[in-house]
Amino acid sequence: MEKVKTQTDLKPLIKETLNEMIRDNKEEIRELIKEAIEDISLANDVKEGRKNDCVSERKILRILDK
């Protein structure tokens, strides 16, 4: 196996490896991205909720029972 000598030599190898990983694992990567977006959305909703008045547990349960 030939030794990699410089960062310039490494860049194409890393790109090729990442491209293969993406190609071979499209569904898993899609799922990871989807989960990350959902997590970000939930975090944003929590932040937004902290800015507003609190809602009673009873009111939430009433809405969920509908």
N, C-alpha and C. Protein backbone atom coordinates (compact mmCIF):
# COMPACT_ATOMS: atom_id res chain seq x y z
N MET A 1 0.84 -1.19 0.00
CA MET A 1 0.00 0.00 0.00
C MET A 1 0.88 1.24 0.00
N GLU A 2 0.55 2.18 -0.82
CA GLU A 2 1.33 3.40 -0.96
C GLU A 2 0.99 4.39 0.15
N LYS A 3 2.02 5.03 0.73
CA LYS A 3 1.80 6.00 1.79
C LYS A 3 1.27 7.32 1.22
N VAL A 4 0.33 7.93 1.96
CA VAL A 4 -0.18 9.24 1.58
C VAL A 4 0.78 10.27 2.16
N LYS A 5 1.22 11.22 1.34
CA LYS A 5 2.26 12.13 1.78
C LYS A 5 1.75 13.50 2.19
N THR A 6 0.72 13.99 1.57
CA THR A 6 0.28 15.34 1.86
C THR A 6 -1.24 15.41 2.01
N GLN A 7 -1.66 16.55 2.50
CA GLN A 7 -3.10 16.80 2.63
C GLN A 7 -3.76 16.81 1.25
N THR A 8 -3.04 17.26 0.25
CA THR A 8 -3.55 17.28 -1.11
C THR A 8 -3.82 15.86 -1.60
N ASP A 9 -2.99 14.92 -1.20
CA ASP A 9 -3.20 13.52 -1.57
C ASP A 9 -4.42 12.93 -0.85
N LEU A 10 -4.67 13.40 0.37
CA LEU A 10 -5.77 12.86 1.16
C LEU A 10 -7.15 13.32 0.67
N LYS A 11 -7.23 14.54 0.22
CA LYS A 11 -8.53 15.13 -0.14
C LYS A 11 -9.32 14.28 -1.13
N PRO A 12 -8.73 13.85 -2.26
CA PRO A 12 -9.52 13.03 -3.19
C PRO A 12 -9.93 11.68 -2.59
N LEU A 13 -9.09 11.12 -1.73
CA LEU A 13 -9.44 9.84 -1.10
C LEU A 13 -10.62 10.00 -0.16
N ILE A 14 -10.62 11.07 0.59
CA ILE A 14 -11.72 11.33 1.52
C ILE A 14 -13.01 11.59 0.74
N LYS A 15 -12.93 12.39 -0.32
CA LYS A 15 -14.11 12.66 -1.15
C LYS A 15 -14.69 11.38 -1.74
N GLU A 16 -13.81 10.54 -2.26
CA GLU A 16 -14.26 9.28 -2.86
C GLU A 16 -14.94 8.39 -1.81
N THR A 17 -14.32 8.32 -0.64
CA THR A 17 -14.89 7.50 0.44
C THR A 17 -16.26 8.01 0.85
N LEU A 18 -16.38 9.33 1.03
CA LEU A 18 -17.67 9.90 1.40
C LEU A 18 -18.73 9.68 0.32
N ASN A 19 -18.34 9.84 -0.93
CA ASN A 19 -19.28 9.60 -2.03
C ASN A 19 -19.77 8.15 -2.02
N GLU A 20 -18.88 7.21 -1.79
CA GLU A 20 -19.27 5.80 -1.73
C GLU A 20 -20.21 5.55 -0.57
N MET A 21 -19.90 6.13 0.58
CA MET A 21 -20.75 5.95 1.75
C MET A 21 -22.15 6.48 1.50
N ILE A 22 -22.23 7.64 0.88
CA ILE A 22 -23.53 8.25 0.58
C ILE A 22 -24.30 7.39 -0.42
N ARG A 23 -23.61 6.96 -1.46
CA ARG A 23 -24.24 6.13 -2.50
C ARG A 23 -24.75 4.81 -1.92
N ASP A 24 -23.95 4.19 -1.06
CA ASP A 24 -24.29 2.87 -0.54
C ASP A 24 -25.30 2.92 0.62
N ASN A 25 -25.44 4.08 1.25
CA ASN A 25 -26.29 4.17 2.44
C ASN A 25 -27.31 5.31 2.33
N LYS A 26 -27.88 5.48 1.16
CA LYS A 26 -28.80 6.60 0.93
C LYS A 26 -29.96 6.62 1.92
N GLU A 27 -30.57 5.50 2.13
CA GLU A 27 -31.75 5.45 3.00
C GLU A 27 -31.39 5.78 4.44
N GLU A 28 -30.28 5.26 4.93
CA GLU A 28 -29.85 5.54 6.30
C GLU A 28 -29.52 7.02 6.46
N ILE A 29 -28.85 7.60 5.48
CA ILE A 29 -28.50 9.01 5.54
C ILE A 29 -29.76 9.87 5.48
N ARG A 30 -30.70 9.48 4.63
CA ARG A 30 -31.97 10.21 4.54
C ARG A 30 -32.69 10.18 5.88
N GLU A 31 -32.68 9.04 6.55
CA GLU A 31 -33.33 8.89 7.85
C GLU A 31 -32.63 9.76 8.90
N LEU A 32 -31.30 9.79 8.89
CA LEU A 32 -30.54 10.62 9.83
C LEU A 32 -30.85 12.09 9.64
N ILE A 33 -30.92 12.52 8.39
CA ILE A 33 -31.23 13.93 8.09
C ILE A 33 -32.64 14.26 8.55
N LYS A 34 -33.58 13.36 8.28
CA LYS A 34 -34.97 13.56 8.69
C LYS A 34 -35.07 13.69 10.21
N GLU A 35 -34.38 12.82 10.94
CA GLU A 35 -34.41 12.89 12.40
C GLU A 35 -33.77 14.17 12.91
N ALA A 36 -32.69 14.60 12.27
CA ALA A 36 -32.02 15.84 12.68
C ALA A 36 -32.96 17.03 12.48
N ILE A 37 -33.67 17.06 11.36
CA ILE A 37 -34.61 18.15 11.10
C ILE A 37 -35.74 18.13 12.12
N GLU A 38 -36.24 16.95 12.46
CA GLU A 38 -37.30 16.85 13.46
C GLU A 38 -36.81 17.32 14.82
N ASP A 39 -35.58 16.97 15.18
CA ASP A 39 -35.01 17.41 16.46
C ASP A 39 -34.86 18.93 16.50
N ILE A 40 -34.39 19.50 15.41
CA ILE A 40 -34.24 20.96 15.34
C ILE A 40 -35.60 21.63 15.46
N SER A 41 -36.59 21.08 14.78
CA SER A 41 -37.94 21.63 14.82
C SER A 41 -38.51 21.57 16.24
N LEU A 42 -38.31 20.45 16.90
CA LEU A 42 -38.79 20.31 18.27
C LEU A 42 -38.09 21.31 19.20
N ALA A 43 -36.78 21.46 19.04
CA ALA A 43 -36.03 22.42 19.86
C ALA A 43 -36.54 23.84 19.63
N ASN A 44 -36.81 24.18 18.36
CA ASN A 44 -37.35 25.51 18.05
C ASN A 44 -38.73 25.70 18.66
N ASP A 45 -39.55 24.66 18.62
CA ASP A 45 -40.89 24.75 19.22
C ASP A 45 -40.80 24.96 20.73
N VAL A 46 -39.86 24.27 21.37
CA VAL A 46 -39.68 24.43 22.82
C VAL A 46 -39.25 25.86 23.14
N LYS A 47 -38.29 26.37 22.37
CA LYS A 47 -37.85 27.76 22.58
C LYS A 47 -39.00 28.74 22.40
N GLU A 48 -39.79 28.54 21.37
CA GLU A 48 -40.93 29.42 21.10
C GLU A 48 -41.95 29.32 22.23
N GLY A 49 -42.17 28.12 22.72
CA GLY A 49 -43.13 27.91 23.80
C GLY A 49 -42.71 28.59 25.09
N ARG A 50 -41.42 28.69 25.31
CA ARG A 50 -40.92 29.34 26.53
C ARG A 50 -41.17 30.85 26.49
N LYS A 51 -41.36 31.42 25.32
CA LYS A 51 -41.61 32.86 25.19
C LYS A 51 -43.05 33.21 25.53
N ASN A 52 -43.94 32.25 25.38
CA ASN A 52 -45.37 32.49 25.58
C ASN A 52 -45.80 32.07 26.98
N ASP A 53 -47.05 32.38 27.30
CA ASP A 53 -47.60 31.98 28.59
C ASP A 53 -47.72 30.47 28.67
N CYS A 54 -47.64 29.97 29.88
CA CYS A 54 -47.78 28.52 30.08
C CYS A 54 -49.23 28.10 29.90
N VAL A 55 -49.42 26.88 29.51
CA VAL A 55 -50.75 26.31 29.33
C VAL A 55 -50.92 25.24 30.39
N SER A 56 -52.08 25.19 30.99
CA SER A 56 -52.31 24.23 32.06
C SER A 56 -52.34 22.80 31.52
N GLU A 57 -51.98 21.89 32.38
CA GLU A 57 -51.99 20.47 32.00
C GLU A 57 -53.40 20.03 31.64
N ARG A 58 -54.38 20.53 32.37
CA ARG A 58 -55.77 20.17 32.13
C ARG A 58 -56.19 20.56 30.71
N LYS A 59 -55.77 21.76 30.28
CA LYS A 59 -56.13 22.23 28.94
C LYS A 59 -55.49 21.35 27.86
N ILE A 60 -54.26 20.97 28.07
CA ILE A 60 -53.57 20.10 27.12
C ILE A 60 -54.26 18.75 27.04
N LEU A 61 -54.60 18.18 28.19
CA LEU A 61 -55.27 16.88 28.20
C LEU A 61 -56.63 16.94 27.53
N ARG A 62 -57.35 18.05 27.72
CA ARG A 62 -58.64 18.22 27.05
C ARG A 62 -58.47 18.21 25.53
N ILE A 63 -57.44 18.90 25.05
CA ILE A 63 -57.19 18.95 23.60
C ILE A 63 -56.81 17.57 23.08
N LEU A 64 -56.00 16.83 23.83
CA LEU A 64 -55.58 15.51 23.40
C LEU A 64 -56.72 14.49 23.40
N ASP A 65 -57.71 14.70 24.26
CA ASP A 65 -58.84 13.78 24.34
C ASP A 65 -59.82 13.94 23.18
N LYS A 66 -59.73 15.05 22.47
CA LYS A 66 -60.68 15.30 21.35
C LYS A 66 -60.45 14.34 20.22
